[in-house]
Amino acid sequence: VSLIKEIREIFDKHKISAEIIGASVRNPLHVKEVAKAGAHIGTLPYKVILSMINHPLTDAGIEKFMADWNK
């Protein structure tokens, strides 16, 4: 994450027009952190993508909504 921040600062300072890739991002927290640091693109395993879209609270919320809807 700190490397992404440094690259972003250098690119901004020298007006370099290029996209920054956060490579081998291994967990959802790092996805968020490299995005906040300035990465435009991230490479991450499929399991990390799934963990970002599936969350127990989201599932519980959907179940409660559907139960209320069906009433």
PDB file of N, CA and C in Angstrom:
ATOM      1  N   VAL A   1       0.834  -1.189   0.000  1.00  0.00           N
ATOM      2  CA  VAL A   1       0.000   0.000   0.000  1.00  0.00           C
ATOM      3  C   VAL A   1       0.877   1.250   0.000  1.00  0.00           C
ATOM      4  N   SER A   2       1.931   1.220   0.789  1.00  0.00           N
ATOM      5  CA  SER A   2       2.802   2.403   0.838  1.00  0.00           C
ATOM      6  C   SER A   2       3.498   2.636  -0.507  1.00  0.00           C
ATOM      7  N   LEU A   3       3.822   1.563  -1.216  1.00  0.00           N
ATOM      8  CA  LEU A   3       4.437   1.710  -2.534  1.00  0.00           C
ATOM      9  C   LEU A   3       3.463   2.373  -3.513  1.00  0.00           C
ATOM     10  N   ILE A   4       2.203   1.975  -3.458  1.00  0.00           N
ATOM     11  CA  ILE A   4       1.191   2.590  -4.325  1.00  0.00           C
ATOM     12  C   ILE A   4       1.102   4.089  -4.031  1.00  0.00           C
ATOM     13  N   LYS A   5       1.103   4.448  -2.744  1.00  0.00           N
ATOM     14  CA  LYS A   5       1.045   5.865  -2.370  1.00  0.00           C
ATOM     15  C   LYS A   5       2.241   6.632  -2.925  1.00  0.00           C
ATOM     16  N   GLU A   6       3.423   6.043  -2.809  1.00  0.00           N
ATOM     17  CA  GLU A   6       4.627   6.706  -3.317  1.00  0.00           C
ATOM     18  C   GLU A   6       4.574   6.880  -4.827  1.00  0.00           C
ATOM     19  N   ILE A   7       4.140   5.845  -5.522  1.00  0.00           N
ATOM     20  CA  ILE A   7       4.033   5.929  -6.981  1.00  0.00           C
ATOM     21  C   ILE A   7       3.029   7.014  -7.366  1.00  0.00           C
ATOM     22  N   ARG A   8       1.879   7.048  -6.685  1.00  0.00           N
ATOM     23  CA  ARG A   8       0.868   8.062  -6.965  1.00  0.00           C
ATOM     24  C   ARG A   8       1.438   9.467  -6.774  1.00  0.00           C
ATOM     25  N   GLU A   9       2.183   9.693  -5.691  1.00  0.00           N
ATOM     26  CA  GLU A   9       2.780  11.003  -5.437  1.00  0.00           C
ATOM     27  C   GLU A   9       3.776  11.380  -6.526  1.00  0.00           C
ATOM     28  N   ILE A  10       4.603  10.437  -6.934  1.00  0.00           N
ATOM     29  CA  ILE A  10       5.600  10.698  -7.978  1.00  0.00           C
ATOM     30  C   ILE A  10       4.907  11.010  -9.302  1.00  0.00           C
ATOM     31  N   PHE A  11       3.902  10.202  -9.660  1.00  0.00           N
ATOM     32  CA  PHE A  11       3.182  10.430 -10.914  1.00  0.00           C
ATOM     33  C   PHE A  11       2.499  11.794 -10.908  1.00  0.00           C
ATOM     34  N   ASP A  12       1.906  12.145  -9.774  1.00  0.00           N
ATOM     35  CA  ASP A  12       1.237  13.447  -9.681  1.00  0.00           C
ATOM     36  C   ASP A  12       2.241  14.593  -9.789  1.00  0.00           C
ATOM     37  N   LYS A  13       3.341  14.465  -9.081  1.00  0.00           N
ATOM     38  CA  LYS A  13       4.353  15.522  -9.069  1.00  0.00           C
ATOM     39  C   LYS A  13       4.914  15.778 -10.461  1.00  0.00           C
ATOM     40  N   HIS A  14       5.150  14.711 -11.207  1.00  0.00           N
ATOM     41  CA  HIS A  14       5.777  14.835 -12.527  1.00  0.00           C
ATOM     42  C   HIS A  14       4.759  14.786 -13.668  1.00  0.00           C
ATOM     43  N   LYS A  15       3.480  14.834 -13.290  1.00  0.00           N
ATOM     44  CA  LYS A  15       2.393  14.824 -14.272  1.00  0.00           C
ATOM     45  C   LYS A  15       2.505  13.649 -15.258  1.00  0.00           C
ATOM     46  N   ILE A  16       2.788  12.488 -14.702  1.00  0.00           N
ATOM     47  CA  ILE A  16       2.878  11.263 -15.500  1.00  0.00           C
ATOM     48  C   ILE A  16       1.471  10.706 -15.674  1.00  0.00           C
ATOM     49  N   SER A  17       1.092  10.476 -16.913  1.00  0.00           N
ATOM     50  CA  SER A  17      -0.230   9.968 -17.225  1.00  0.00           C
ATOM     51  C   SER A  17      -0.150   8.460 -17.462  1.00  0.00           C
ATOM     52  N   ALA A  18      -0.386   7.714 -16.411  1.00  0.00           N
ATOM     53  CA  ALA A  18      -0.372   6.254 -16.511  1.00  0.00           C
ATOM     54  C   ALA A  18      -1.269   5.693 -15.417  1.00  0.00           C
ATOM     55  N   GLU A  19      -1.776   4.503 -15.641  1.00  0.00           N
ATOM     56  CA  GLU A  19      -2.592   3.857 -14.625  1.00  0.00           C
ATOM     57  C   GLU A  19      -1.702   3.030 -13.706  1.00  0.00           C
ATOM     58  N   ILE A  20      -2.063   3.000 -12.448  1.00  0.00           N
ATOM     59  CA  ILE A  20      -1.305   2.251 -11.441  1.00  0.00           C
ATOM     60  C   ILE A  20      -2.060   0.964 -11.141  1.00  0.00           C
ATOM     61  N   ILE A  21      -1.327  -0.150 -11.157  1.00  0.00           N
ATOM     62  CA  ILE A  21      -1.918  -1.456 -10.888  1.00  0.00           C
ATOM     63  C   ILE A  21      -1.486  -1.935  -9.507  1.00  0.00           C
ATOM     64  N   GLY A  22      -2.461  -2.262  -8.683  1.00  0.00           N
ATOM     65  CA  GLY A  22      -2.187  -2.926  -7.407  1.00  0.00           C
ATOM     66  C   GLY A  22      -2.209  -4.422  -7.677  1.00  0.00           C
ATOM     67  N   ALA A  23      -1.055  -5.039  -7.735  1.00  0.00           N
ATOM     68  CA  ALA A  23      -0.956  -6.447  -8.140  1.00  0.00           C
ATOM     69  C   ALA A  23      -0.963  -7.385  -6.936  1.00  0.00           C
ATOM     70  N   SER A  24      -1.554  -8.554  -7.147  1.00  0.00           N
ATOM     71  CA  SER A  24      -1.605  -9.614  -6.135  1.00  0.00           C
ATOM     72  C   SER A  24      -2.242  -9.157  -4.834  1.00  0.00           C
ATOM     73  N   VAL A  25      -3.359  -8.480  -4.942  1.00  0.00           N
ATOM     74  CA  VAL A  25      -4.089  -8.039  -3.759  1.00  0.00           C
ATOM     75  C   VAL A  25      -4.767  -9.275  -3.168  1.00  0.00           C
ATOM     76  N   ARG A  26      -4.490  -9.570  -1.910  1.00  0.00           N
ATOM     77  CA  ARG A  26      -4.874 -10.857  -1.331  1.00  0.00           C
ATOM     78  C   ARG A  26      -6.052 -10.854  -0.375  1.00  0.00           C
ATOM     79  N   ASN A  27      -6.581  -9.670  -0.033  1.00  0.00           N
ATOM     80  CA  ASN A  27      -7.761  -9.663   0.832  1.00  0.00           C
ATOM     81  C   ASN A  27      -8.565  -8.385   0.609  1.00  0.00           C
ATOM     82  N   PRO A  28      -9.839  -8.399   1.008  1.00  0.00           N
ATOM     83  CA  PRO A  28     -10.704  -7.246   0.750  1.00  0.00           C
ATOM     84  C   PRO A  28     -10.201  -5.937   1.362  1.00  0.00           C
ATOM     85  N   LEU A  29      -9.590  -6.004   2.516  1.00  0.00           N
ATOM     86  CA  LEU A  29      -9.069  -4.788   3.140  1.00  0.00           C
ATOM     87  C   LEU A  29      -7.979  -4.167   2.271  1.00  0.00           C
ATOM     88  N   HIS A  30      -7.110  -4.989   1.713  1.00  0.00           N
ATOM     89  CA  HIS A  30      -6.054  -4.467   0.846  1.00  0.00           C
ATOM     90  C   HIS A  30      -6.625  -3.889  -0.440  1.00  0.00           C
ATOM     91  N   VAL A  31      -7.707  -4.462  -0.945  1.00  0.00           N
ATOM     92  CA  VAL A  31      -8.359  -3.904  -2.133  1.00  0.00           C
ATOM     93  C   VAL A  31      -8.754  -2.457  -1.855  1.00  0.00           C
ATOM     94  N   LYS A  32      -9.400  -2.246  -0.722  1.00  0.00           N
ATOM     95  CA  LYS A  32      -9.822  -0.901  -0.348  1.00  0.00           C
ATOM     96  C   LYS A  32      -8.619   0.017  -0.151  1.00  0.00           C
ATOM     97  N   GLU A  33      -7.602  -0.473   0.528  1.00  0.00           N
ATOM     98  CA  GLU A  33      -6.442   0.361   0.829  1.00  0.00           C
ATOM     99  C   GLU A  33      -5.662   0.756  -0.432  1.00  0.00           C
ATOM    100  N   VAL A  34      -5.456  -0.168  -1.375  1.00  0.00           N
ATOM    101  CA  VAL A  34      -4.721   0.213  -2.590  1.00  0.00           C
ATOM    102  C   VAL A  34      -5.555   1.147  -3.464  1.00  0.00           C
ATOM    103  N   ALA A  35      -6.879   1.004  -3.427  1.00  0.00           N
ATOM    104  CA  ALA A  35      -7.740   1.936  -4.162  1.00  0.00           C
ATOM    105  C   ALA A  35      -7.637   3.332  -3.551  1.00  0.00           C
ATOM    106  N   LYS A  36      -7.684   3.422  -2.230  1.00  0.00           N
ATOM    107  CA  LYS A  36      -7.550   4.713  -1.558  1.00  0.00           C
ATOM    108  C   LYS A  36      -6.166   5.319  -1.784  1.00  0.00           C
ATOM    109  N   ALA A  37      -5.161   4.456  -1.939  1.00  0.00           N
ATOM    110  CA  ALA A  37      -3.797   4.937  -2.148  1.00  0.00           C
ATOM    111  C   ALA A  37      -3.577   5.466  -3.557  1.00  0.00           C
ATOM    112  N   GLY A  38      -4.472   5.107  -4.499  1.00  0.00           N
ATOM    113  CA  GLY A  38      -4.358   5.656  -5.845  1.00  0.00           C
ATOM    114  C   GLY A  38      -4.277   4.655  -6.972  1.00  0.00           C
ATOM    115  N   ALA A  39      -4.410   3.365  -6.672  1.00  0.00           N
ATOM    116  CA  ALA A  39      -4.379   2.367  -7.746  1.00  0.00           C
ATOM    117  C   ALA A  39      -5.643   2.475  -8.591  1.00  0.00           C
ATOM    118  N   HIS A  40      -5.464   2.364  -9.890  1.00  0.00           N
ATOM    119  CA  HIS A  40      -6.601   2.394 -10.815  1.00  0.00           C
ATOM    120  C   HIS A  40      -7.158   0.991 -11.059  1.00  0.00           C
ATOM    121  N   ILE A  41      -6.273   0.006 -10.978  1.00  0.00           N
ATOM    122  CA  ILE A  41      -6.608  -1.374 -11.305  1.00  0.00           C
ATOM    123  C   ILE A  41      -6.034  -2.259 -10.211  1.00  0.00           C
ATOM    124  N   GLY A  42      -6.719  -3.349  -9.910  1.00  0.00           N
ATOM    125  CA  GLY A  42      -6.188  -4.323  -8.967  1.00  0.00           C
ATOM    126  C   GLY A  42      -6.318  -5.721  -9.537  1.00  0.00           C
ATOM    127  N   THR A  43      -5.294  -6.519  -9.330  1.00  0.00           N
ATOM    128  CA  THR A  43      -5.394  -7.930  -9.703  1.00  0.00           C
ATOM    129  C   THR A  43      -5.578  -8.700  -8.404  1.00  0.00           C
ATOM    130  N   LEU A  44      -6.618  -9.527  -8.379  1.00  0.00           N
ATOM    131  CA  LEU A  44      -6.904 -10.269  -7.170  1.00  0.00           C
ATOM    132  C   LEU A  44      -7.531 -11.602  -7.508  1.00  0.00           C
ATOM    133  N   PRO A  45      -7.359 -12.576  -6.618  1.00  0.00           N
ATOM    134  CA  PRO A  45      -7.943 -13.893  -6.862  1.00  0.00           C
ATOM    135  C   PRO A  45      -9.471 -13.850  -6.827  1.00  0.00           C
ATOM    136  N   TYR A  46     -10.069 -14.794  -7.513  1.00  0.00           N
ATOM    137  CA  TYR A  46     -11.520 -14.896  -7.578  1.00  0.00           C
ATOM    138  C   TYR A  46     -12.134 -14.992  -6.186  1.00  0.00           C
ATOM    139  N   LYS A  47     -11.478 -15.733  -5.280  1.00  0.00           N
ATOM    140  CA  LYS A  47     -12.029 -15.893  -3.932  1.00  0.00           C
ATOM    141  C   LYS A  47     -12.109 -14.550  -3.199  1.00  0.00           C
ATOM    142  N   VAL A  48     -11.211 -13.624  -3.497  1.00  0.00           N
ATOM    143  CA  VAL A  48     -11.266 -12.301  -2.877  1.00  0.00           C
ATOM    144  C   VAL A  48     -12.462 -11.525  -3.433  1.00  0.00           C
ATOM    145  N   ILE A  49     -12.694 -11.633  -4.727  1.00  0.00           N
ATOM    146  CA  ILE A  49     -13.870 -10.977  -5.323  1.00  0.00           C
ATOM    147  C   ILE A  49     -15.147 -11.504  -4.670  1.00  0.00           C
ATOM    148  N   LEU A  50     -15.235 -12.834  -4.530  1.00  0.00           N
ATOM    149  CA  LEU A  50     -16.427 -13.414  -3.904  1.00  0.00           C
ATOM    150  C   LEU A  50     -16.591 -12.936  -2.468  1.00  0.00           C
ATOM    151  N   SER A  51     -15.490 -12.837  -1.744  1.00  0.00           N
ATOM    152  CA  SER A  51     -15.592 -12.404  -0.345  1.00  0.00           C
ATOM    153  C   SER A  51     -16.028 -10.941  -0.246  1.00  0.00           C
ATOM    154  N   MET A  52     -15.791 -10.168  -1.296  1.00  0.00           N
ATOM    155  CA  MET A  52     -16.193  -8.769  -1.292  1.00  0.00           C
ATOM    156  C   MET A  52     -17.687  -8.592  -1.586  1.00  0.00           C
ATOM    157  N   ILE A  53     -18.269  -9.530  -2.310  1.00  0.00           N
ATOM    158  CA  ILE A  53     -19.683  -9.390  -2.646  1.00  0.00           C
ATOM    159  C   ILE A  53     -20.588 -10.214  -1.741  1.00  0.00           C
ATOM    160  N   ASN A  54     -20.007 -11.135  -0.985  1.00  0.00           N
ATOM    161  CA  ASN A  54     -20.786 -11.949  -0.058  1.00  0.00           C
ATOM    162  C   ASN A  54     -20.416 -11.562   1.365  1.00  0.00           C
ATOM    163  N   HIS A  55     -21.417 -11.170   2.131  1.00  0.00           N
ATOM    164  CA  HIS A  55     -21.175 -10.795   3.519  1.00  0.00           C
ATOM    165  C   HIS A  55     -22.352 -11.305   4.347  1.00  0.00           C
ATOM    166  N   PRO A  56     -22.094 -11.869   5.520  1.00  0.00           N
ATOM    167  CA  PRO A  56     -23.183 -12.418   6.332  1.00  0.00           C
ATOM    168  C   PRO A  56     -24.281 -11.398   6.642  1.00  0.00           C
ATOM    169  N   LEU A  57     -23.937 -10.158   6.903  1.00  0.00           N
ATOM    170  CA  LEU A  57     -24.950  -9.154   7.202  1.00  0.00           C
ATOM    171  C   LEU A  57     -25.798  -8.832   5.981  1.00  0.00           C
ATOM    172  N   THR A  58     -25.174  -8.848   4.802  1.00  0.00           N
ATOM    173  CA  THR A  58     -25.939  -8.629   3.573  1.00  0.00           C
ATOM    174  C   THR A  58     -26.924  -9.763   3.378  1.00  0.00           C
ATOM    175  N   ASP A  59     -26.448 -10.992   3.551  1.00  0.00           N
ATOM    176  CA  ASP A  59     -27.328 -12.155   3.404  1.00  0.00           C
ATOM    177  C   ASP A  59     -28.481 -12.103   4.395  1.00  0.00           C
ATOM    178  N   ALA A  60     -28.205 -11.738   5.652  1.00  0.00           N
ATOM    179  CA  ALA A  60     -29.258 -11.648   6.666  1.00  0.00           C
ATOM    180  C   ALA A  60     -30.249 -10.540   6.308  1.00  0.00           C
ATOM    181  N   GLY A  61     -29.747  -9.421   5.818  1.00  0.00           N
ATOM    182  CA  GLY A  61     -30.617  -8.324   5.419  1.00  0.00           C
ATOM    183  C   GLY A  61     -31.533  -8.705   4.276  1.00  0.00           C
ATOM    184  N   ILE A  62     -30.988  -9.416   3.308  1.00  0.00           N
ATOM    185  CA  ILE A  62     -31.802  -9.854   2.164  1.00  0.00           C
ATOM    186  C   ILE A  62     -32.868 -10.838   2.633  1.00  0.00           C
ATOM    187  N   GLU A  63     -32.485 -11.769   3.500  1.00  0.00           N
ATOM    188  CA  GLU A  63     -33.463 -12.739   4.015  1.00  0.00           C
ATOM    189  C   GLU A  63     -34.598 -12.028   4.756  1.00  0.00           C
ATOM    190  N   LYS A  64     -34.261 -11.055   5.590  1.00  0.00           N
ATOM    191  CA  LYS A  64     -35.287 -10.317   6.340  1.00  0.00           C
ATOM    192  C   LYS A  64     -36.171  -9.521   5.381  1.00  0.00           C
ATOM    193  N   PHE A  65     -35.571  -8.874   4.400  1.00  0.00           N
ATOM    194  CA  PHE A  65     -36.353  -8.115   3.418  1.00  0.00           C
ATOM    195  C   PHE A  65     -37.326  -9.032   2.693  1.00  0.00           C
ATOM    196  N   MET A  66     -36.837 -10.184   2.234  1.00  0.00           N
ATOM    197  CA  MET A  66     -37.687 -11.115   1.483  1.00  0.00           C
ATOM    198  C   MET A  66     -38.818 -11.651   2.358  1.00  0.00           C
ATOM    199  N   ALA A  67     -38.515 -11.929   3.637  1.00  0.00           N
ATOM    200  CA  ALA A  67     -39.565 -12.413   4.545  1.00  0.00           C
ATOM    201  C   ALA A  67     -40.626 -11.335   4.734  1.00  0.00           C
ATOM    202  N   ASP A  68     -40.207 -10.098   4.934  1.00  0.00           N
ATOM    203  CA  ASP A  68     -41.159  -8.990   5.084  1.00  0.00           C
ATOM    204  C   ASP A  68     -41.956  -8.803   3.798  1.00  0.00           C
ATOM    205  N   TRP A  69     -41.310  -8.892   2.660  1.00  0.00           N
ATOM    206  CA  TRP A  69     -41.959  -8.705   1.360  1.00  0.00           C
ATOM    207  C   TRP A  69     -43.045  -9.770   1.157  1.00  0.00           C
ATOM    208  N   ASN A  70     -42.713 -10.999   1.518  1.00  0.00           N
ATOM    209  CA  ASN A  70     -43.650 -12.109   1.306  1.00  0.00           C
ATOM    210  C   ASN A  70     -44.866 -12.037   2.242  1.00  0.00           C
ATOM    211  N   LYS A  71     -44.747 -11.293   3.346  1.00  0.00           N
ATOM    212  CA  LYS A  71     -45.880 -11.124   4.257  1.00  0.00           C
ATOM    213  C   LYS A  71     -46.861 -10.181   3.615  1.00  0.00           C
TER     214      LYS A  71
END
